[in-house]
Amino acid sequence: MNTPKTDWPSSLDDNELDELDRYLRGHAGDGDLLLDGVHGMLSGLAVGPLHVLPEEWLPEVLHEPFADEEEGNRVLALLAKLNDSISAELDVDAYEPILGEVDTATGPMLTAAGWCEGFSRAIDLRATLWEKRLADDPHLMELLGPVMALAVDEGVLSAEADFAKLSDDEYDECLAQVPMVLGAVNQYWHEHPATEAELEIEAKPSSVEEESGPPRQRSGHWVH
């Protein structure tokens, strides 16, 4: 389907994307997600095993009080619209990841680092369930292969074995497969939903007390 995304009520137009990008950049500290990271996180949540409520993921995005009620309502509306657009795009096979840019000697290049960081944080929000299923079912790990390759290449995730850097062509190939990966993972969880035993494990509080401090910049829970 070639329907332009700007024609969908749930999709942000370029001006709205720029507005949300400016807000996030203006209120981001070290390790905080920017627009590409927020998109990666919401994408991971959209295709994950369990619904994650906004009150769980918003703390990964918003770190300062709003200037006023108007600003708060506007930013929350843009985030909600971005979130809704992901499922809409996946439904019609028109999903595209929002990527960042890095300056190189030959000019700016697209990077999946921020998107992958956000995706890994989405998995962290349901880490126990993801870890168990990844350990029990190699097929899920296989489905995630291109995203994992990008994440390891960008240093977002660590690999136990030595990992050769992707060539430019390999990197582009993995990027091109991201929409297919999300569709496949989404279908996987629909066909193989979390079991009662997995849900019980996920619901148990962690035995490790988390100390207060800055958010993690690297996750890596789902790489074994």
N, C-alpha and C. Protein backbone atom coordinates (compact mmCIF):
# COMPACT_ATOMS: atom_id res chain seq x y z
N MET A 1 0.85 -1.20 0.00
CA MET A 1 0.00 0.00 0.00
C MET A 1 0.89 1.24 0.00
N ASN A 2 0.57 2.20 -0.85
CA ASN A 2 1.40 3.39 -0.99
C ASN A 2 0.76 4.63 -0.40
N THR A 3 -0.19 4.45 0.50
CA THR A 3 -0.84 5.59 1.12
C THR A 3 0.18 6.46 1.86
N PRO A 4 0.31 7.74 1.53
CA PRO A 4 1.26 8.59 2.25
C PRO A 4 0.93 8.65 3.73
N LYS A 5 1.98 8.54 4.55
CA LYS A 5 1.74 8.52 5.99
C LYS A 5 1.11 9.81 6.49
N THR A 6 1.37 10.91 5.79
CA THR A 6 0.80 12.18 6.24
C THR A 6 -0.71 12.21 6.04
N ASP A 7 -1.26 11.24 5.27
CA ASP A 7 -2.70 11.19 5.06
C ASP A 7 -3.42 10.44 6.19
N TRP A 8 -2.66 9.79 7.07
CA TRP A 8 -3.27 9.03 8.14
C TRP A 8 -3.49 9.93 9.35
N PRO A 9 -4.66 9.91 9.94
CA PRO A 9 -4.95 10.79 11.08
C PRO A 9 -3.98 10.59 12.25
N SER A 10 -3.44 9.37 12.41
CA SER A 10 -2.60 9.09 13.57
C SER A 10 -1.14 9.46 13.36
N SER A 11 -0.76 9.82 12.14
CA SER A 11 0.65 10.08 11.85
C SER A 11 1.02 11.54 12.04
N LEU A 12 2.22 11.76 12.55
CA LEU A 12 2.72 13.13 12.69
C LEU A 12 3.23 13.63 11.35
N ASP A 13 2.90 14.89 11.04
CA ASP A 13 3.48 15.46 9.82
C ASP A 13 4.88 15.97 10.15
N ASP A 14 5.57 16.47 9.14
CA ASP A 14 6.97 16.89 9.33
C ASP A 14 7.08 17.99 10.38
N ASN A 15 6.14 18.93 10.39
CA ASN A 15 6.20 20.02 11.36
C ASN A 15 6.04 19.51 12.79
N GLU A 16 5.15 18.53 12.96
CA GLU A 16 4.95 17.96 14.29
C GLU A 16 6.17 17.16 14.73
N LEU A 17 6.76 16.42 13.81
CA LEU A 17 7.98 15.69 14.14
C LEU A 17 9.09 16.65 14.54
N ASP A 18 9.22 17.75 13.80
CA ASP A 18 10.24 18.76 14.14
C ASP A 18 9.96 19.37 15.51
N GLU A 19 8.70 19.62 15.80
CA GLU A 19 8.33 20.22 17.08
C GLU A 19 8.68 19.28 18.23
N LEU A 20 8.35 18.01 18.10
CA LEU A 20 8.67 17.04 19.15
C LEU A 20 10.18 16.85 19.26
N ASP A 21 10.87 16.85 18.14
CA ASP A 21 12.32 16.71 18.14
C ASP A 21 12.97 17.88 18.88
N ARG A 22 12.49 19.10 18.63
CA ARG A 22 13.05 20.28 19.30
C ARG A 22 12.83 20.20 20.81
N TYR A 23 11.62 19.78 21.21
CA TYR A 23 11.35 19.69 22.64
C TYR A 23 12.28 18.68 23.30
N LEU A 24 12.41 17.50 22.71
CA LEU A 24 13.24 16.46 23.31
C LEU A 24 14.70 16.90 23.38
N ARG A 25 15.19 17.52 22.32
CA ARG A 25 16.58 17.99 22.32
C ARG A 25 16.79 19.09 23.38
N GLY A 26 15.78 19.91 23.58
CA GLY A 26 15.90 21.00 24.53
C GLY A 26 15.81 20.57 25.98
N HIS A 27 15.38 19.33 26.22
CA HIS A 27 15.20 18.86 27.60
C HIS A 27 15.91 17.53 27.86
N ALA A 28 16.90 17.21 27.03
CA ALA A 28 17.59 15.93 27.16
C ALA A 28 18.91 16.09 27.90
N GLY A 29 19.17 15.18 28.81
CA GLY A 29 20.46 15.10 29.46
C GLY A 29 21.26 13.95 28.88
N ASP A 30 22.43 13.71 29.43
CA ASP A 30 23.26 12.60 28.94
C ASP A 30 22.51 11.28 29.10
N GLY A 31 22.45 10.51 28.03
CA GLY A 31 21.81 9.21 28.07
C GLY A 31 20.32 9.23 27.85
N ASP A 32 19.72 10.42 27.74
CA ASP A 32 18.28 10.50 27.51
C ASP A 32 17.96 10.25 26.04
N LEU A 33 16.77 9.72 25.79
CA LEU A 33 16.36 9.41 24.43
C LEU A 33 15.95 10.67 23.68
N LEU A 34 16.36 10.75 22.42
CA LEU A 34 15.88 11.79 21.51
C LEU A 34 14.78 11.17 20.65
N LEU A 35 14.38 11.86 19.60
CA LEU A 35 13.22 11.40 18.83
C LEU A 35 13.43 10.00 18.26
N ASP A 36 14.64 9.72 17.73
CA ASP A 36 14.88 8.39 17.17
C ASP A 36 14.80 7.32 18.26
N GLY A 37 15.31 7.64 19.46
CA GLY A 37 15.25 6.68 20.55
C GLY A 37 13.84 6.46 21.06
N VAL A 38 13.06 7.53 21.13
CA VAL A 38 11.66 7.40 21.56
C VAL A 38 10.90 6.53 20.56
N HIS A 39 11.15 6.76 19.26
CA HIS A 39 10.49 5.96 18.24
C HIS A 39 10.89 4.48 18.36
N GLY A 40 12.17 4.22 18.62
CA GLY A 40 12.62 2.85 18.80
C GLY A 40 11.97 2.18 20.00
N MET A 41 11.86 2.93 21.11
CA MET A 41 11.25 2.37 22.30
C MET A 41 9.77 2.08 22.07
N LEU A 42 9.05 3.02 21.50
CA LEU A 42 7.62 2.81 21.25
C LEU A 42 7.40 1.69 20.24
N SER A 43 8.33 1.54 19.31
CA SER A 43 8.23 0.44 18.34
C SER A 43 8.41 -0.90 19.05
N GLY A 44 9.39 -0.97 19.95
CA GLY A 44 9.60 -2.20 20.70
C GLY A 44 8.41 -2.55 21.57
N LEU A 45 7.79 -1.53 22.15
CA LEU A 45 6.60 -1.78 22.98
C LEU A 45 5.42 -2.24 22.12
N ALA A 46 5.31 -1.68 20.92
CA ALA A 46 4.19 -2.02 20.05
C ALA A 46 4.20 -3.48 19.63
N VAL A 47 5.38 -4.07 19.50
CA VAL A 47 5.47 -5.46 19.03
C VAL A 47 5.82 -6.42 20.16
N GLY A 48 5.80 -5.95 21.39
CA GLY A 48 6.20 -6.77 22.52
C GLY A 48 5.13 -7.70 23.03
N PRO A 49 5.46 -8.48 24.06
CA PRO A 49 4.55 -9.52 24.55
C PRO A 49 3.39 -9.01 25.38
N LEU A 50 3.57 -7.86 26.03
CA LEU A 50 2.55 -7.33 26.92
C LEU A 50 2.38 -5.84 26.71
N HIS A 51 1.17 -5.38 26.93
CA HIS A 51 0.91 -3.94 26.84
C HIS A 51 1.65 -3.21 27.96
N VAL A 52 2.26 -2.11 27.62
CA VAL A 52 2.96 -1.27 28.60
C VAL A 52 2.26 0.07 28.65
N LEU A 53 1.79 0.46 29.82
CA LEU A 53 1.03 1.69 29.97
C LEU A 53 1.94 2.92 29.86
N PRO A 54 1.37 4.05 29.44
CA PRO A 54 2.16 5.28 29.32
C PRO A 54 2.88 5.66 30.61
N GLU A 55 2.24 5.41 31.77
CA GLU A 55 2.93 5.79 33.02
C GLU A 55 4.20 4.99 33.26
N GLU A 56 4.35 3.87 32.53
CA GLU A 56 5.59 3.09 32.64
C GLU A 56 6.66 3.61 31.69
N TRP A 57 6.28 4.00 30.47
CA TRP A 57 7.31 4.40 29.51
C TRP A 57 7.58 5.90 29.48
N LEU A 58 6.63 6.71 29.93
CA LEU A 58 6.86 8.16 29.91
C LEU A 58 8.08 8.60 30.72
N PRO A 59 8.38 7.96 31.88
CA PRO A 59 9.59 8.36 32.60
C PRO A 59 10.88 8.14 31.81
N GLU A 60 10.84 7.29 30.78
CA GLU A 60 12.01 7.11 29.92
C GLU A 60 12.15 8.26 28.93
N VAL A 61 11.10 9.09 28.81
CA VAL A 61 11.07 10.13 27.79
C VAL A 61 11.11 11.53 28.40
N LEU A 62 10.34 11.72 29.46
CA LEU A 62 10.20 13.05 30.06
C LEU A 62 10.95 13.09 31.39
N HIS A 63 11.80 14.11 31.54
CA HIS A 63 12.68 14.16 32.72
C HIS A 63 12.60 15.50 33.46
N GLU A 64 11.82 16.43 32.94
CA GLU A 64 11.69 17.74 33.57
C GLU A 64 10.22 18.14 33.61
N PRO A 65 9.84 18.95 34.59
CA PRO A 65 8.45 19.45 34.60
C PRO A 65 8.19 20.31 33.37
N PHE A 66 6.95 20.29 32.91
CA PHE A 66 6.59 21.15 31.79
C PHE A 66 6.56 22.61 32.24
N ALA A 67 6.79 23.49 31.29
CA ALA A 67 6.77 24.92 31.60
C ALA A 67 5.38 25.36 32.03
N ASP A 68 4.35 24.79 31.43
CA ASP A 68 2.97 25.12 31.77
C ASP A 68 2.06 24.02 31.25
N GLU A 69 0.79 24.14 31.56
CA GLU A 69 -0.17 23.10 31.16
C GLU A 69 -0.28 22.99 29.65
N GLU A 70 -0.21 24.11 28.96
CA GLU A 70 -0.32 24.09 27.50
C GLU A 70 0.82 23.28 26.88
N GLU A 71 2.03 23.53 27.37
CA GLU A 71 3.17 22.78 26.84
C GLU A 71 3.01 21.29 27.14
N GLY A 72 2.61 20.97 28.35
CA GLY A 72 2.43 19.57 28.73
C GLY A 72 1.42 18.86 27.86
N ASN A 73 0.28 19.50 27.65
CA ASN A 73 -0.76 18.89 26.82
C ASN A 73 -0.28 18.68 25.39
N ARG A 74 0.49 19.64 24.89
CA ARG A 74 0.97 19.55 23.51
C ARG A 74 1.98 18.41 23.35
N VAL A 75 2.94 18.34 24.25
CA VAL A 75 3.97 17.29 24.16
C VAL A 75 3.34 15.90 24.33
N LEU A 76 2.46 15.77 25.29
CA LEU A 76 1.80 14.47 25.51
C LEU A 76 0.96 14.07 24.30
N ALA A 77 0.31 15.05 23.68
CA ALA A 77 -0.49 14.75 22.49
C ALA A 77 0.40 14.28 21.33
N LEU A 78 1.55 14.92 21.17
CA LEU A 78 2.48 14.51 20.11
C LEU A 78 3.03 13.11 20.37
N LEU A 79 3.36 12.81 21.62
CA LEU A 79 3.86 11.47 21.95
C LEU A 79 2.78 10.42 21.73
N ALA A 80 1.55 10.73 22.11
CA ALA A 80 0.46 9.78 21.89
C ALA A 80 0.24 9.53 20.40
N LYS A 81 0.33 10.59 19.62
CA LYS A 81 0.14 10.46 18.18
C LYS A 81 1.26 9.64 17.55
N LEU A 82 2.49 9.87 18.02
CA LEU A 82 3.63 9.09 17.54
C LEU A 82 3.44 7.62 17.88
N ASN A 83 3.00 7.36 19.08
CA ASN A 83 2.76 5.99 19.52
C ASN A 83 1.69 5.31 18.65
N ASP A 84 0.60 6.02 18.41
CA ASP A 84 -0.48 5.46 17.60
C ASP A 84 -0.04 5.20 16.16
N SER A 85 0.84 6.05 15.65
CA SER A 85 1.24 5.93 14.25
C SER A 85 2.00 4.64 14.00
N ILE A 86 2.70 4.14 15.01
CA ILE A 86 3.52 2.94 14.81
C ILE A 86 2.65 1.73 14.50
N SER A 87 1.62 1.52 15.29
CA SER A 87 0.72 0.40 15.03
C SER A 87 0.01 0.56 13.69
N ALA A 88 -0.37 1.81 13.36
CA ALA A 88 -1.04 2.06 12.09
C ALA A 88 -0.13 1.71 10.92
N GLU A 89 1.14 2.08 11.01
CA GLU A 89 2.09 1.79 9.93
C GLU A 89 2.38 0.30 9.83
N LEU A 90 2.50 -0.37 10.98
CA LEU A 90 2.73 -1.81 10.96
C LEU A 90 1.55 -2.55 10.34
N ASP A 91 0.36 -2.07 10.58
CA ASP A 91 -0.85 -2.73 10.07
C ASP A 91 -0.91 -2.73 8.55
N VAL A 92 -0.30 -1.72 7.92
CA VAL A 92 -0.37 -1.63 6.45
C VAL A 92 1.02 -1.81 5.81
N ASP A 93 1.94 -2.42 6.57
CA ASP A 93 3.29 -2.69 6.07
C ASP A 93 3.97 -1.43 5.54
N ALA A 94 3.82 -0.34 6.25
CA ALA A 94 4.42 0.92 5.82
C ALA A 94 5.31 1.53 6.91
N TYR A 95 5.76 0.70 7.85
CA TYR A 95 6.57 1.20 8.96
C TYR A 95 7.97 1.58 8.48
N GLU A 96 8.46 2.69 8.98
CA GLU A 96 9.85 3.10 8.75
C GLU A 96 10.42 3.62 10.06
N PRO A 97 11.62 3.16 10.46
CA PRO A 97 12.21 3.66 11.70
C PRO A 97 12.67 5.11 11.54
N ILE A 98 12.54 5.88 12.60
CA ILE A 98 13.10 7.23 12.62
C ILE A 98 14.55 7.12 13.06
N LEU A 99 15.45 7.58 12.22
CA LEU A 99 16.88 7.42 12.47
C LEU A 99 17.54 8.76 12.78
N GLY A 100 18.67 8.71 13.44
CA GLY A 100 19.46 9.90 13.70
C GLY A 100 20.51 10.10 12.62
N GLU A 101 21.30 11.14 12.78
CA GLU A 101 22.39 11.42 11.84
C GLU A 101 23.68 11.62 12.60
N VAL A 102 24.77 11.21 12.00
CA VAL A 102 26.10 11.47 12.55
C VAL A 102 26.94 12.12 11.45
N ASP A 103 27.81 13.01 11.86
CA ASP A 103 28.71 13.65 10.90
C ASP A 103 29.93 12.76 10.66
N THR A 104 30.27 12.56 9.40
CA THR A 104 31.46 11.79 9.05
C THR A 104 32.32 12.62 8.11
N ALA A 105 33.48 12.08 7.78
CA ALA A 105 34.39 12.80 6.90
C ALA A 105 33.78 13.01 5.52
N THR A 106 32.86 12.15 5.15
CA THR A 106 32.23 12.27 3.83
C THR A 106 30.85 12.93 3.90
N GLY A 107 30.48 13.42 5.09
CA GLY A 107 29.19 14.08 5.24
C GLY A 107 28.30 13.35 6.22
N PRO A 108 27.09 13.86 6.46
CA PRO A 108 26.18 13.22 7.42
C PRO A 108 25.72 11.85 6.93
N MET A 109 25.59 10.92 7.89
CA MET A 109 25.10 9.59 7.58
C MET A 109 24.04 9.19 8.60
N LEU A 110 23.09 8.37 8.17
CA LEU A 110 22.07 7.87 9.07
C LEU A 110 22.65 6.87 10.05
N THR A 111 22.14 6.89 11.27
CA THR A 111 22.58 5.93 12.28
C THR A 111 21.37 5.36 13.01
N ALA A 112 21.44 4.08 13.30
CA ALA A 112 20.37 3.40 14.03
C ALA A 112 20.67 3.33 15.52
N ALA A 113 21.73 3.98 15.98
CA ALA A 113 22.14 3.86 17.38
C ALA A 113 21.03 4.28 18.34
N GLY A 114 20.44 5.45 18.11
CA GLY A 114 19.39 5.94 19.01
C GLY A 114 18.16 5.06 18.97
N TRP A 115 17.75 4.65 17.76
CA TRP A 115 16.59 3.78 17.62
C TRP A 115 16.81 2.46 18.37
N CYS A 116 17.99 1.89 18.20
CA CYS A 116 18.30 0.62 18.87
C CYS A 116 18.34 0.78 20.38
N GLU A 117 18.86 1.91 20.86
CA GLU A 117 18.87 2.16 22.30
C GLU A 117 17.44 2.19 22.83
N GLY A 118 16.56 2.87 22.12
CA GLY A 118 15.17 2.91 22.54
C GLY A 118 14.53 1.54 22.50
N PHE A 119 14.80 0.77 21.46
CA PHE A 119 14.24 -0.58 21.35
C PHE A 119 14.69 -1.45 22.51
N SER A 120 15.97 -1.33 22.89
CA SER A 120 16.47 -2.13 24.00
C SER A 120 15.81 -1.73 25.32
N ARG A 121 15.49 -0.45 25.47
CA ARG A 121 14.81 -0.02 26.70
C ARG A 121 13.38 -0.54 26.75
N ALA A 122 12.75 -0.68 25.57
CA ALA A 122 11.42 -1.28 25.54
C ALA A 122 11.48 -2.71 26.05
N ILE A 123 12.49 -3.44 25.64
CA ILE A 123 12.66 -4.82 26.11
C ILE A 123 12.95 -4.84 27.60
N ASP A 124 13.73 -3.87 28.08
CA ASP A 124 14.02 -3.78 29.51
C ASP A 124 12.75 -3.65 30.35
N LEU A 125 11.74 -2.98 29.80
CA LEU A 125 10.50 -2.77 30.56
C LEU A 125 9.74 -4.07 30.78
N ARG A 126 10.04 -5.09 30.03
CA ARG A 126 9.49 -6.43 30.23
C ARG A 126 10.63 -7.45 30.15
N ALA A 127 11.73 -7.11 30.82
CA ALA A 127 12.98 -7.85 30.65
C ALA A 127 12.87 -9.32 31.00
N THR A 128 12.23 -9.63 32.13
CA THR A 128 12.18 -11.03 32.57
C THR A 128 11.47 -11.90 31.54
N LEU A 129 10.37 -11.41 31.01
CA LEU A 129 9.61 -12.18 30.04
C LEU A 129 10.40 -12.36 28.75
N TRP A 130 10.99 -11.28 28.25
CA TRP A 130 11.80 -11.36 27.04
C TRP A 130 12.97 -12.31 27.23
N GLU A 131 13.68 -12.19 28.35
CA GLU A 131 14.86 -13.02 28.57
C GLU A 131 14.51 -14.50 28.58
N LYS A 132 13.43 -14.84 29.27
CA LYS A 132 13.03 -16.25 29.34
C LYS A 132 12.67 -16.79 27.97
N ARG A 133 11.89 -16.03 27.22
CA ARG A 133 11.46 -16.52 25.91
C ARG A 133 12.64 -16.61 24.95
N LEU A 134 13.54 -15.63 24.99
CA LEU A 134 14.71 -15.68 24.12
C LEU A 134 15.59 -16.88 24.45
N ALA A 135 15.68 -17.20 25.73
CA ALA A 135 16.47 -18.36 26.14
C ALA A 135 15.80 -19.67 25.74
N ASP A 136 14.47 -19.69 25.76
CA ASP A 136 13.72 -20.92 25.49
C ASP A 136 13.45 -21.15 24.00
N ASP A 137 13.41 -20.08 23.22
CA ASP A 137 13.01 -20.21 21.81
C ASP A 137 14.01 -19.49 20.90
N PRO A 138 14.95 -20.25 20.32
CA PRO A 138 15.94 -19.63 19.43
C PRO A 138 15.31 -18.93 18.23
N HIS A 139 14.09 -19.32 17.87
CA HIS A 139 13.45 -18.69 16.70
C HIS A 139 13.23 -17.20 16.92
N LEU A 140 12.89 -16.81 18.14
CA LEU A 140 12.69 -15.39 18.43
C LEU A 140 14.01 -14.64 18.30
N MET A 141 15.08 -15.24 18.78
CA MET A 141 16.40 -14.62 18.64
C MET A 141 16.75 -14.47 17.16
N GLU A 142 16.39 -15.48 16.36
CA GLU A 142 16.66 -15.43 14.93
C GLU A 142 15.88 -14.30 14.26
N LEU A 143 14.62 -14.14 14.66
CA LEU A 143 13.80 -13.08 14.08
C LEU A 143 14.42 -11.70 14.36
N LEU A 144 14.99 -11.54 15.54
CA LEU A 144 15.56 -10.25 15.95
C LEU A 144 16.96 -10.01 15.39
N GLY A 145 17.48 -10.96 14.63
CA GLY A 145 18.86 -10.90 14.18
C GLY A 145 19.32 -9.58 13.59
N PRO A 146 18.62 -9.02 12.59
CA PRO A 146 19.09 -7.76 11.99
C PRO A 146 19.13 -6.60 12.99
N VAL A 147 18.13 -6.51 13.87
CA VAL A 147 18.13 -5.44 14.87
C VAL A 147 19.26 -5.65 15.86
N MET A 148 19.49 -6.89 16.26
CA MET A 148 20.58 -7.17 17.18
C MET A 148 21.93 -6.83 16.55
N ALA A 149 22.08 -7.15 15.26
CA ALA A 149 23.33 -6.84 14.56
C ALA A 149 23.59 -5.34 14.55
N LEU A 150 22.56 -4.56 14.30
CA LEU A 150 22.70 -3.10 14.33
C LEU A 150 23.06 -2.61 15.72
N ALA A 151 22.38 -3.16 16.73
CA ALA A 151 22.59 -2.72 18.10
C ALA A 151 24.01 -3.03 18.58
N VAL A 152 24.51 -4.21 18.23
CA VAL A 152 25.88 -4.57 18.61
C VAL A 152 26.87 -3.71 17.84
N ASP A 153 26.62 -3.50 16.56
CA ASP A 153 27.52 -2.69 15.72
C ASP A 153 27.63 -1.28 16.27
N GLU A 154 26.53 -0.74 16.80
CA GLU A 154 26.52 0.62 17.32
C GLU A 154 26.96 0.71 18.78
N GLY A 155 27.26 -0.43 19.39
CA GLY A 155 27.70 -0.42 20.78
C GLY A 155 26.58 -0.27 21.78
N VAL A 156 25.33 -0.40 21.31
CA VAL A 156 24.19 -0.31 22.22
C VAL A 156 24.08 -1.58 23.06
N LEU A 157 24.39 -2.71 22.44
CA LEU A 157 24.39 -4.00 23.13
C LEU A 157 25.76 -4.63 23.02
N SER A 158 26.08 -5.47 23.97
CA SER A 158 27.35 -6.17 23.95
C SER A 158 27.13 -7.62 23.53
N ALA A 159 28.10 -8.18 22.85
CA ALA A 159 28.04 -9.57 22.42
C ALA A 159 29.14 -10.35 23.13
N GLU A 160 28.82 -11.60 23.47
CA GLU A 160 29.80 -12.42 24.17
C GLU A 160 30.97 -12.78 23.26
N ALA A 161 30.69 -13.03 21.99
CA ALA A 161 31.75 -13.37 21.04
C ALA A 161 32.22 -12.12 20.32
N ASP A 162 33.41 -12.21 19.72
CA ASP A 162 33.91 -11.10 18.93
C ASP A 162 32.97 -10.84 17.76
N PHE A 163 32.75 -9.57 17.49
CA PHE A 163 31.78 -9.19 16.46
C PHE A 163 32.44 -8.23 15.50
N ALA A 164 32.56 -8.65 14.24
CA ALA A 164 33.16 -7.79 13.23
C ALA A 164 32.19 -6.67 12.87
N LYS A 165 32.72 -5.48 12.70
CA LYS A 165 31.87 -4.34 12.31
C LYS A 165 31.18 -4.64 10.98
N LEU A 166 29.95 -4.21 10.89
CA LEU A 166 29.22 -4.38 9.65
C LEU A 166 29.81 -3.49 8.57
N SER A 167 29.83 -4.00 7.36
CA SER A 167 30.20 -3.14 6.24
C SER A 167 29.03 -2.18 5.97
N ASP A 168 29.29 -1.17 5.16
CA ASP A 168 28.21 -0.22 4.84
C ASP A 168 27.04 -0.94 4.20
N ASP A 169 27.32 -1.87 3.30
CA ASP A 169 26.24 -2.61 2.64
C ASP A 169 25.49 -3.48 3.64
N GLU A 170 26.20 -4.14 4.55
CA GLU A 170 25.55 -4.98 5.56
C GLU A 170 24.69 -4.14 6.50
N TYR A 171 25.21 -2.97 6.87
CA TYR A 171 24.47 -2.06 7.74
C TYR A 171 23.17 -1.64 7.06
N ASP A 172 23.26 -1.23 5.80
CA ASP A 172 22.08 -0.80 5.06
C ASP A 172 21.09 -1.96 4.90
N GLU A 173 21.60 -3.16 4.70
CA GLU A 173 20.72 -4.32 4.56
C GLU A 173 19.96 -4.60 5.84
N CYS A 174 20.65 -4.49 6.98
CA CYS A 174 19.99 -4.69 8.28
C CYS A 174 18.94 -3.62 8.51
N LEU A 175 19.27 -2.38 8.15
CA LEU A 175 18.29 -1.28 8.29
C LEU A 175 17.05 -1.56 7.46
N ALA A 176 17.26 -2.04 6.25
CA ALA A 176 16.13 -2.31 5.36
C ALA A 176 15.23 -3.41 5.90
N GLN A 177 15.78 -4.27 6.75
CA GLN A 177 15.02 -5.39 7.28
C GLN A 177 14.26 -5.05 8.57
N VAL A 178 14.50 -3.86 9.14
CA VAL A 178 13.86 -3.50 10.41
C VAL A 178 12.33 -3.60 10.34
N PRO A 179 11.67 -3.04 9.32
CA PRO A 179 10.21 -3.18 9.28
C PRO A 179 9.75 -4.63 9.25
N MET A 180 10.47 -5.47 8.49
CA MET A 180 10.12 -6.89 8.42
C MET A 180 10.31 -7.56 9.77
N VAL A 181 11.39 -7.19 10.47
CA VAL A 181 11.65 -7.75 11.80
C VAL A 181 10.51 -7.41 12.76
N LEU A 182 10.10 -6.16 12.77
CA LEU A 182 9.02 -5.76 13.67
C LEU A 182 7.73 -6.49 13.35
N GLY A 183 7.41 -6.63 12.07
CA GLY A 183 6.22 -7.36 11.70
C GLY A 183 6.27 -8.80 12.14
N ALA A 184 7.44 -9.43 11.98
CA ALA A 184 7.60 -10.83 12.36
C ALA A 184 7.53 -11.02 13.87
N VAL A 185 8.15 -10.10 14.62
CA VAL A 185 8.13 -10.21 16.08
C VAL A 185 6.72 -9.96 16.61
N ASN A 186 6.03 -9.01 16.01
CA ASN A 186 4.64 -8.74 16.39
C ASN A 186 3.78 -9.98 16.18
N GLN A 187 3.96 -10.61 15.03
CA GLN A 187 3.20 -11.83 14.73
C GLN A 187 3.59 -12.96 15.67
N TYR A 188 4.87 -13.04 15.99
CA TYR A 188 5.35 -14.10 16.90
C TYR A 188 4.62 -14.05 18.23
N TRP A 189 4.53 -12.86 18.84
CA TRP A 189 3.90 -12.76 20.15
C TRP A 189 2.39 -12.98 20.07
N HIS A 190 1.80 -12.67 18.92
CA HIS A 190 0.37 -12.97 18.75
C HIS A 190 0.13 -14.47 18.68
N GLU A 191 1.04 -15.17 17.99
CA GLU A 191 0.88 -16.61 17.83
C GLU A 191 1.39 -17.39 19.03
N HIS A 192 2.33 -16.80 19.78
CA HIS A 192 2.91 -17.48 20.94
C HIS A 192 2.87 -16.54 22.14
N PRO A 193 1.69 -16.22 22.65
CA PRO A 193 1.58 -15.26 23.76
C PRO A 193 2.25 -15.77 25.02
N ALA A 194 2.49 -14.85 25.93
CA ALA A 194 3.12 -15.21 27.19
C ALA A 194 2.27 -16.23 27.94
N THR A 195 2.92 -17.24 28.48
CA THR A 195 2.22 -18.27 29.24
C THR A 195 1.93 -17.78 30.65
N GLU A 196 1.06 -18.50 31.35
CA GLU A 196 0.77 -18.14 32.74
C GLU A 196 2.03 -18.19 33.59
N ALA A 197 2.87 -19.19 33.35
CA ALA A 197 4.10 -19.31 34.12
C ALA A 197 5.02 -18.11 33.87
N GLU A 198 5.12 -17.68 32.61
CA GLU A 198 5.96 -16.52 32.29
C GLU A 198 5.39 -15.26 32.92
N LEU A 199 4.09 -15.12 32.89
CA LEU A 199 3.46 -13.94 33.48
C LEU A 199 3.68 -13.89 34.99
N GLU A 200 3.67 -15.05 35.62
CA GLU A 200 3.91 -15.09 37.06
C GLU A 200 5.34 -14.67 37.39
N ILE A 201 6.29 -15.13 36.57
CA ILE A 201 7.69 -14.73 36.77
C ILE A 201 7.86 -13.24 36.54
N GLU A 202 7.21 -12.72 35.49
CA GLU A 202 7.31 -11.28 35.17
C GLU A 202 6.73 -10.43 36.28
N ALA A 203 5.67 -10.92 36.93
CA ALA A 203 4.99 -10.14 37.97
C ALA A 203 5.75 -10.09 39.28
N LYS A 204 6.69 -11.02 39.47
CA LYS A 204 7.43 -11.05 40.74
C LYS A 204 8.38 -9.86 40.81
N PRO A 205 8.46 -9.19 41.97
CA PRO A 205 9.40 -8.08 42.10
C PRO A 205 10.83 -8.58 42.08
N SER A 206 11.70 -7.76 41.55
CA SER A 206 13.11 -8.14 41.48
C SER A 206 13.69 -8.26 42.88
N SER A 207 14.58 -9.24 43.05
CA SER A 207 15.21 -9.44 44.35
C SER A 207 16.39 -8.50 44.55
N VAL A 208 16.78 -7.84 43.46
CA VAL A 208 17.90 -6.90 43.54
C VAL A 208 17.36 -5.49 43.72
N GLU A 209 17.78 -4.83 44.77
CA GLU A 209 17.33 -3.46 44.99
C GLU A 209 18.05 -2.54 44.03
N GLU A 210 17.28 -1.73 43.34
CA GLU A 210 17.86 -0.80 42.39
C GLU A 210 18.20 0.50 43.11
N GLU A 211 19.45 0.89 42.99
CA GLU A 211 19.89 2.12 43.62
C GLU A 211 19.52 3.28 42.72
N SER A 212 19.21 4.41 43.36
CA SER A 212 18.88 5.59 42.58
C SER A 212 20.12 6.10 41.88
N GLY A 213 19.94 6.66 40.71
CA GLY A 213 21.08 7.16 39.96
C GLY A 213 20.66 7.47 38.55
N PRO A 214 21.61 7.86 37.70
CA PRO A 214 21.27 8.20 36.33
C PRO A 214 20.81 6.97 35.57
N PRO A 215 19.99 7.16 34.54
CA PRO A 215 19.52 6.01 33.76
C PRO A 215 20.67 5.33 33.03
N ARG A 216 20.50 4.04 32.77
CA ARG A 216 21.52 3.30 32.03
C ARG A 216 21.59 3.84 30.62
N GLN A 217 22.79 3.90 30.09
CA GLN A 217 22.95 4.28 28.69
C GLN A 217 23.03 3.05 27.80
N ARG A 218 23.36 1.92 28.38
CA ARG A 218 23.44 0.68 27.64
C ARG A 218 22.63 -0.35 28.38
N SER A 219 21.89 -1.15 27.65
CA SER A 219 21.01 -2.13 28.28
C SER A 219 21.60 -3.52 28.10
N GLY A 220 21.21 -4.20 27.05
CA GLY A 220 21.85 -5.46 26.74
C GLY A 220 21.26 -6.67 27.43
N HIS A 221 20.12 -6.53 28.12
CA HIS A 221 19.54 -7.67 28.81
C HIS A 221 19.22 -8.82 27.85
N TRP A 222 18.87 -8.48 26.62
CA TRP A 222 18.33 -9.50 25.72
C TRP A 222 19.35 -10.14 24.83
N VAL A 223 20.63 -9.91 25.08
CA VAL A 223 21.67 -10.57 24.32
C VAL A 223 22.31 -11.64 25.19
N HIS A 224 22.28 -12.87 24.73
CA HIS A 224 22.84 -13.99 25.50
C HIS A 224 23.89 -14.71 24.67
